[in-house]
Amino acid sequence: MDPNQVAGMAVIFGAYSLMLYLLYRSNKIIAEIKRRRLVEKRRYAKKKIAHVLEVHRATRHRRQ
């Protein structure tokens, strides 16, 4: 193999390695975003349920 072929292979393997690394990082970032959205949805649902229960408790005497 001459030096040009070695350099070409190094560039190809380097680019492929970089692509795999970037794919790994982007998947990790996407998973973190999904996790945060799920946490926010749960937090919102808990607040909403707590609010509904509080209103229910506060207005119970009016219905009786």
PDB file of N, CA and C in Angstrom:
ATOM      1  N   MET A   1       0.855  -1.193   0.000  1.00  0.00           N
ATOM      2  CA  MET A   1       0.000   0.000   0.000  1.00  0.00           C
ATOM      3  C   MET A   1       0.891   1.243   0.000  1.00  0.00           C
ATOM      4  N   ASP A   2       0.534   2.167  -0.825  1.00  0.00           N
ATOM      5  CA  ASP A   2       1.310   3.398  -0.832  1.00  0.00           C
ATOM      6  C   ASP A   2       0.733   4.387   0.194  1.00  0.00           C
ATOM      7  N   PRO A   3       1.455   5.434   0.506  1.00  0.00           N
ATOM      8  CA  PRO A   3       1.011   6.387   1.545  1.00  0.00           C
ATOM      9  C   PRO A   3      -0.336   7.044   1.246  1.00  0.00           C
ATOM     10  N   ASN A   4      -0.647   7.246  -0.019  1.00  0.00           N
ATOM     11  CA  ASN A   4      -1.937   7.861  -0.353  1.00  0.00           C
ATOM     12  C   ASN A   4      -3.103   6.945   0.018  1.00  0.00           C
ATOM     13  N   GLN A   5      -2.939   5.654  -0.205  1.00  0.00           N
ATOM     14  CA  GLN A   5      -3.992   4.704   0.161  1.00  0.00           C
ATOM     15  C   GLN A   5      -4.171   4.649   1.677  1.00  0.00           C
ATOM     16  N   VAL A   6      -3.057   4.659   2.399  1.00  0.00           N
ATOM     17  CA  VAL A   6      -3.117   4.638   3.865  1.00  0.00           C
ATOM     18  C   VAL A   6      -3.822   5.895   4.369  1.00  0.00           C
ATOM     19  N   ALA A   7      -3.472   7.036   3.801  1.00  0.00           N
ATOM     20  CA  ALA A   7      -4.107   8.292   4.209  1.00  0.00           C
ATOM     21  C   ALA A   7      -5.600   8.267   3.885  1.00  0.00           C
ATOM     22  N   GLY A   8      -5.947   7.731   2.725  1.00  0.00           N
ATOM     23  CA  GLY A   8      -7.360   7.637   2.341  1.00  0.00           C
ATOM     24  C   GLY A   8      -8.143   6.750   3.286  1.00  0.00           C
ATOM     25  N   MET A   9      -7.551   5.608   3.653  1.00  0.00           N
ATOM     26  CA  MET A   9      -8.228   4.719   4.602  1.00  0.00           C
ATOM     27  C   MET A   9      -8.376   5.385   5.966  1.00  0.00           C
ATOM     28  N   ALA A  10      -7.357   6.117   6.381  1.00  0.00           N
ATOM     29  CA  ALA A  10      -7.423   6.806   7.673  1.00  0.00           C
ATOM     30  C   ALA A  10      -8.547   7.836   7.668  1.00  0.00           C
ATOM     31  N   VAL A  11      -8.674   8.564   6.567  1.00  0.00           N
ATOM     32  CA  VAL A  11      -9.747   9.559   6.458  1.00  0.00           C
ATOM     33  C   VAL A  11     -11.109   8.876   6.498  1.00  0.00           C
ATOM     34  N   ILE A  12     -11.263   7.783   5.778  1.00  0.00           N
ATOM     35  CA  ILE A  12     -12.549   7.072   5.740  1.00  0.00           C
ATOM     36  C   ILE A  12     -12.905   6.526   7.120  1.00  0.00           C
ATOM     37  N   PHE A  13     -11.949   5.859   7.765  1.00  0.00           N
ATOM     38  CA  PHE A  13     -12.225   5.310   9.096  1.00  0.00           C
ATOM     39  C   PHE A  13     -12.483   6.418  10.116  1.00  0.00           C
ATOM     40  N   GLY A  14     -11.752   7.516   9.991  1.00  0.00           N
ATOM     41  CA  GLY A  14     -11.965   8.650  10.900  1.00  0.00           C
ATOM     42  C   GLY A  14     -13.349   9.252  10.724  1.00  0.00           C
ATOM     43  N   ALA A  15     -13.760   9.419   9.472  1.00  0.00           N
ATOM     44  CA  ALA A  15     -15.088   9.981   9.201  1.00  0.00           C
ATOM     45  C   ALA A  15     -16.182   9.044   9.698  1.00  0.00           C
ATOM     46  N   TYR A  16     -15.990   7.750   9.501  1.00  0.00           N
ATOM     47  CA  TYR A  16     -16.978   6.762   9.963  1.00  0.00           C
ATOM     48  C   TYR A  16     -17.064   6.760  11.490  1.00  0.00           C
ATOM     49  N   SER A  17     -15.914   6.836  12.140  1.00  0.00           N
ATOM     50  CA  SER A  17     -15.896   6.887  13.606  1.00  0.00           C
ATOM     51  C   SER A  17     -16.595   8.141  14.113  1.00  0.00           C
ATOM     52  N   LEU A  18     -16.330   9.259  13.467  1.00  0.00           N
ATOM     53  CA  LEU A  18     -16.983  10.507  13.858  1.00  0.00           C
ATOM     54  C   LEU A  18     -18.491  10.407  13.665  1.00  0.00           C
ATOM     55  N   MET A  19     -18.927   9.811  12.567  1.00  0.00           N
ATOM     56  CA  MET A  19     -20.358   9.651  12.310  1.00  0.00           C
ATOM     57  C   MET A  19     -21.012   8.798  13.397  1.00  0.00           C
ATOM     58  N   LEU A  20     -20.369   7.690  13.765  1.00  0.00           N
ATOM     59  CA  LEU A  20     -20.922   6.836  14.818  1.00  0.00           C
ATOM     60  C   LEU A  20     -20.989   7.566  16.156  1.00  0.00           C
ATOM     61  N   TYR A  21     -19.956   8.342  16.463  1.00  0.00           N
ATOM     62  CA  TYR A  21     -19.946   9.108  17.711  1.00  0.00           C
ATOM     63  C   TYR A  21     -21.076  10.129  17.720  1.00  0.00           C
ATOM     64  N   LEU A  22     -21.249  10.849  16.615  1.00  0.00           N
ATOM     65  CA  LEU A  22     -22.313  11.854  16.550  1.00  0.00           C
ATOM     66  C   LEU A  22     -23.690  11.208  16.636  1.00  0.00           C
ATOM     67  N   LEU A  23     -23.854  10.046  16.037  1.00  0.00           N
ATOM     68  CA  LEU A  23     -25.114   9.316  16.133  1.00  0.00           C
ATOM     69  C   LEU A  23     -25.394   8.922  17.580  1.00  0.00           C
ATOM     70  N   TYR A  24     -24.375   8.433  18.253  1.00  0.00           N
ATOM     71  CA  TYR A  24     -24.502   8.060  19.665  1.00  0.00           C
ATOM     72  C   TYR A  24     -24.906   9.269  20.504  1.00  0.00           C
ATOM     73  N   ARG A  25     -24.230  10.392  20.287  1.00  0.00           N
ATOM     74  CA  ARG A  25     -24.524  11.603  21.066  1.00  0.00           C
ATOM     75  C   ARG A  25     -25.942  12.107  20.786  1.00  0.00           C
ATOM     76  N   SER A  26     -26.352  12.108  19.532  1.00  0.00           N
ATOM     77  CA  SER A  26     -27.682  12.619  19.201  1.00  0.00           C
ATOM     78  C   SER A  26     -28.762  11.718  19.791  1.00  0.00           C
ATOM     79  N   ASN A  27     -28.557  10.404  19.765  1.00  0.00           N
ATOM     80  CA  ASN A  27     -29.533   9.500  20.381  1.00  0.00           C
ATOM     81  C   ASN A  27     -29.625   9.739  21.879  1.00  0.00           C
ATOM     82  N   LYS A  28     -28.487   9.998  22.497  1.00  0.00           N
ATOM     83  CA  LYS A  28     -28.467  10.273  23.935  1.00  0.00           C
ATOM     84  C   LYS A  28     -29.230  11.575  24.242  1.00  0.00           C
ATOM     85  N   ILE A  29     -29.015  12.588  23.429  1.00  0.00           N
ATOM     86  CA  ILE A  29     -29.693  13.871  23.622  1.00  0.00           C
ATOM     87  C   ILE A  29     -31.195  13.711  23.422  1.00  0.00           C
ATOM     88  N   ILE A  30     -31.601  12.981  22.396  1.00  0.00           N
ATOM     89  CA  ILE A  30     -33.026  12.762  22.131  1.00  0.00           C
ATOM     90  C   ILE A  30     -33.673  12.003  23.282  1.00  0.00           C
ATOM     91  N   ALA A  31     -32.985  11.000  23.808  1.00  0.00           N
ATOM     92  CA  ALA A  31     -33.517  10.242  24.947  1.00  0.00           C
ATOM     93  C   ALA A  31     -33.688  11.145  26.164  1.00  0.00           C
ATOM     94  N   GLU A  32     -32.751  12.048  26.388  1.00  0.00           N
ATOM     95  CA  GLU A  32     -32.844  12.977  27.524  1.00  0.00           C
ATOM     96  C   GLU A  32     -34.022  13.934  27.343  1.00  0.00           C
ATOM     97  N   ILE A  33     -34.225  14.427  26.134  1.00  0.00           N
ATOM     98  CA  ILE A  33     -35.353  15.323  25.866  1.00  0.00           C
ATOM     99  C   ILE A  33     -36.669  14.595  26.112  1.00  0.00           C
ATOM    100  N   LYS A  34     -36.778  13.343  25.649  1.00  0.00           N
ATOM    101  CA  LYS A  34     -38.001  12.564  25.874  1.00  0.00           C
ATOM    102  C   LYS A  34     -38.237  12.349  27.362  1.00  0.00           C
ATOM    103  N   ARG A  35     -37.162  12.055  28.092  1.00  0.00           N
ATOM    104  CA  ARG A  35     -37.284  11.835  29.533  1.00  0.00           C
ATOM    105  C   ARG A  35     -37.773  13.102  30.231  1.00  0.00           C
ATOM    106  N   ARG A  36     -37.217  14.248  29.844  1.00  0.00           N
ATOM    107  CA  ARG A  36     -37.644  15.519  30.450  1.00  0.00           C
ATOM    108  C   ARG A  36     -39.110  15.808  30.151  1.00  0.00           C
ATOM    109  N   ARG A  37     -39.537  15.551  28.915  1.00  0.00           N
ATOM    110  CA  ARG A  37     -40.946  15.778  28.564  1.00  0.00           C
ATOM    111  C   ARG A  37     -41.860  14.899  29.396  1.00  0.00           C
ATOM    112  N   LEU A  38     -41.471  13.645  29.581  1.00  0.00           N
ATOM    113  CA  LEU A  38     -42.270  12.727  30.384  1.00  0.00           C
ATOM    114  C   LEU A  38     -42.360  13.210  31.828  1.00  0.00           C
ATOM    115  N   VAL A  39     -41.235  13.673  32.373  1.00  0.00           N
ATOM    116  CA  VAL A  39     -41.225  14.194  33.743  1.00  0.00           C
ATOM    117  C   VAL A  39     -42.147  15.406  33.844  1.00  0.00           C
ATOM    118  N   GLU A  40     -42.070  16.295  32.851  1.00  0.00           N
ATOM    119  CA  GLU A  40     -42.930  17.482  32.871  1.00  0.00           C
ATOM    120  C   GLU A  40     -44.402  17.101  32.770  1.00  0.00           C
ATOM    121  N   LYS A  41     -44.739  16.123  31.931  1.00  0.00           N
ATOM    122  CA  LYS A  41     -46.133  15.679  31.817  1.00  0.00           C
ATOM    123  C   LYS A  41     -46.632  15.125  33.136  1.00  0.00           C
ATOM    124  N   ARG A  42     -45.802  14.313  33.776  1.00  0.00           N
ATOM    125  CA  ARG A  42     -46.192  13.744  35.073  1.00  0.00           C
ATOM    126  C   ARG A  42     -46.387  14.834  36.111  1.00  0.00           C
ATOM    127  N   ARG A  43     -45.464  15.789  36.133  1.00  0.00           N
ATOM    128  CA  ARG A  43     -45.555  16.889  37.094  1.00  0.00           C
ATOM    129  C   ARG A  43     -46.835  17.695  36.852  1.00  0.00           C
ATOM    130  N   TYR A  44     -47.137  17.966  35.584  1.00  0.00           N
ATOM    131  CA  TYR A  44     -48.345  18.709  35.250  1.00  0.00           C
ATOM    132  C   TYR A  44     -49.584  17.932  35.678  1.00  0.00           C
ATOM    133  N   ALA A  45     -49.586  16.624  35.419  1.00  0.00           N
ATOM    134  CA  ALA A  45     -50.742  15.795  35.794  1.00  0.00           C
ATOM    135  C   ALA A  45     -50.934  15.793  37.303  1.00  0.00           C
ATOM    136  N   LYS A  46     -49.846  15.694  38.053  1.00  0.00           N
ATOM    137  CA  LYS A  46     -49.949  15.709  39.518  1.00  0.00           C
ATOM    138  C   LYS A  46     -50.529  17.036  40.003  1.00  0.00           C
ATOM    139  N   LYS A  47     -50.050  18.138  39.425  1.00  0.00           N
ATOM    140  CA  LYS A  47     -50.563  19.455  39.820  1.00  0.00           C
ATOM    141  C   LYS A  47     -52.045  19.576  39.491  1.00  0.00           C
ATOM    142  N   LYS A  48     -52.416  19.107  38.307  1.00  0.00           N
ATOM    143  CA  LYS A  48     -53.812  19.195  37.871  1.00  0.00           C
ATOM    144  C   LYS A  48     -54.710  18.371  38.791  1.00  0.00           C
ATOM    145  N   ILE A  49     -54.290  17.154  39.110  1.00  0.00           N
ATOM    146  CA  ILE A  49     -55.081  16.298  39.994  1.00  0.00           C
ATOM    147  C   ILE A  49     -55.181  16.926  41.377  1.00  0.00           C
ATOM    148  N   ALA A  50     -54.074  17.451  41.885  1.00  0.00           N
ATOM    149  CA  ALA A  50     -54.089  18.089  43.200  1.00  0.00           C
ATOM    150  C   ALA A  50     -55.037  19.282  43.206  1.00  0.00           C
ATOM    151  N   HIS A  51     -55.030  20.048  42.128  1.00  0.00           N
ATOM    152  CA  HIS A  51     -55.912  21.212  42.045  1.00  0.00           C
ATOM    153  C   HIS A  51     -57.378  20.779  42.022  1.00  0.00           C
ATOM    154  N   VAL A  52     -57.689  19.770  41.237  1.00  0.00           N
ATOM    155  CA  VAL A  52     -59.070  19.284  41.155  1.00  0.00           C
ATOM    156  C   VAL A  52     -59.528  18.774  42.516  1.00  0.00           C
ATOM    157  N   LEU A  53     -58.668  18.032  43.200  1.00  0.00           N
ATOM    158  CA  LEU A  53     -59.033  17.524  44.524  1.00  0.00           C
ATOM    159  C   LEU A  53     -59.223  18.658  45.524  1.00  0.00           C
ATOM    160  N   GLU A  54     -58.384  19.675  45.427  1.00  0.00           N
ATOM    161  CA  GLU A  54     -58.504  20.821  46.336  1.00  0.00           C
ATOM    162  C   GLU A  54     -59.818  21.557  46.088  1.00  0.00           C
ATOM    163  N   VAL A  55     -60.169  21.767  44.836  1.00  0.00           N
ATOM    164  CA  VAL A  55     -61.438  22.421  44.509  1.00  0.00           C
ATOM    165  C   VAL A  55     -62.593  21.556  44.990  1.00  0.00           C
ATOM    166  N   HIS A  56     -62.483  20.263  44.808  1.00  0.00           N
ATOM    167  CA  HIS A  56     -63.523  19.333  45.257  1.00  0.00           C
ATOM    168  C   HIS A  56     -63.707  19.435  46.775  1.00  0.00           C
ATOM    169  N   ARG A  57     -62.582  19.477  47.504  1.00  0.00           N
ATOM    170  CA  ARG A  57     -62.654  19.603  48.967  1.00  0.00           C
ATOM    171  C   ARG A  57     -63.252  20.947  49.378  1.00  0.00           C
ATOM    172  N   ALA A  58     -62.852  21.995  48.689  1.00  0.00           N
ATOM    173  CA  ALA A  58     -63.293  23.335  49.059  1.00  0.00           C
ATOM    174  C   ALA A  58     -64.775  23.545  48.775  1.00  0.00           C
ATOM    175  N   THR A  59     -65.299  22.893  47.760  1.00  0.00           N
ATOM    176  CA  THR A  59     -66.699  23.126  47.386  1.00  0.00           C
ATOM    177  C   THR A  59     -67.629  22.032  47.897  1.00  0.00           C
ATOM    178  N   ARG A  60     -67.108  21.097  48.667  1.00  0.00           N
ATOM    179  CA  ARG A  60     -67.929  19.988  49.147  1.00  0.00           C
ATOM    180  C   ARG A  60     -69.078  20.498  50.025  1.00  0.00           C
ATOM    181  N   HIS A  61     -68.787  21.463  50.877  1.00  0.00           N
ATOM    182  CA  HIS A  61     -69.829  21.949  51.789  1.00  0.00           C
ATOM    183  C   HIS A  61     -70.963  22.647  51.034  1.00  0.00           C
ATOM    184  N   ARG A  62     -70.682  23.210  49.874  1.00  0.00           N
ATOM    185  CA  ARG A  62     -71.731  23.879  49.098  1.00  0.00           C
ATOM    186  C   ARG A  62     -72.724  22.875  48.528  1.00  0.00           C
ATOM    187  N   ARG A  63     -72.237  21.676  48.206  1.00  0.00           N
ATOM    188  CA  ARG A  63     -73.101  20.673  47.590  1.00  0.00           C
ATOM    189  C   ARG A  63     -73.963  19.947  48.619  1.00  0.00           C
ATOM    190  N   GLN A  64     -73.587  19.985  49.855  1.00  0.00           N
ATOM    191  CA  GLN A  64     -74.351  19.236  50.865  1.00  0.00           C
ATOM    192  C   GLN A  64     -75.549  20.007  51.359  1.00  0.00           C
TER     193      GLN A  64
END
